[in-house]
């Protein structure tokens, strides 16, 4: 994903999900959501590259 807008949208959606699960007290689902978002984030967002060569 090269679009910074799409990355911010993914981040915002993840934060809304985390907040909703935290406030509702669904701790098991929160841990599952954190792991799922981590895997999706790793797969979708490109790694940072060094500018030094």
Protein backbone atom coordinates (compact mmCIF):
# COMPACT_ATOMS: atom_id res chain seq x y z
CA UNK A 1 0.00 0.00 0.00
CA UNK A 2 1.65 3.18 -1.11
CA UNK A 3 -1.11 5.60 -0.20
CA UNK A 4 -0.59 7.35 3.12
CA UNK A 5 -4.33 8.09 3.22
CA UNK A 6 -5.15 4.39 3.12
CA UNK A 7 -2.64 3.73 5.91
CA UNK A 8 -4.25 6.42 8.08
CA UNK A 9 -7.70 4.98 7.38
CA UNK A 10 -6.50 1.50 8.40
CA UNK A 11 -4.97 2.96 11.57
CA UNK A 12 -8.16 4.91 12.43
CA UNK A 13 -10.38 1.86 11.92
CA UNK A 14 -8.07 -0.22 14.12
CA UNK A 15 -8.16 2.39 16.89
CA UNK A 16 -11.97 2.55 16.78
CA UNK A 17 -12.17 -1.24 17.04
CA UNK A 18 -9.66 -1.32 19.92
CA UNK A 19 -11.50 1.45 21.78
CA UNK A 20 -14.90 -0.19 21.33
CA UNK A 21 -13.63 -3.56 22.55
CA UNK A 22 -11.84 -1.97 25.50
CA UNK A 23 -14.85 0.05 26.63
CA UNK A 24 -17.17 -2.94 26.28
CA UNK A 25 -14.83 -5.17 28.30
CA UNK A 26 -14.32 -7.85 25.64
CA UNK A 27 -10.71 -8.56 26.57
CA UNK A 28 -10.38 -11.84 24.68
CA UNK A 29 -11.68 -10.26 21.48
CA UNK A 30 -9.38 -7.28 22.06
CA UNK A 31 -6.33 -9.55 22.11
CA UNK A 32 -7.52 -11.30 18.95
CA UNK A 33 -8.11 -7.93 17.26
CA UNK A 34 -4.66 -6.66 18.21
CA UNK A 35 -3.01 -9.75 16.73
CA UNK A 36 -5.15 -9.57 13.58
CA UNK A 37 -4.39 -5.90 13.01
CA UNK A 38 -0.68 -6.54 13.57
CA UNK A 39 -0.67 -9.24 10.89
CA UNK A 40 -2.69 -7.10 8.47
CA UNK A 41 -0.48 -4.06 9.14
CA UNK A 42 2.68 -6.13 8.53
CA UNK A 43 1.27 -7.52 5.29
CA UNK A 44 -0.19 -4.29 3.91
CA UNK A 45 2.07 -1.43 4.99
CA UNK A 46 5.49 -1.35 3.31
CA UNK A 47 8.62 -1.48 5.42
CA UNK A 48 10.53 1.74 5.96
CA UNK A 49 13.71 1.93 3.97
CA UNK A 50 16.89 3.70 4.91
CA UNK A 51 17.79 6.77 2.88
CA UNK A 52 21.51 6.09 3.30
CA UNK A 53 23.17 4.01 0.64
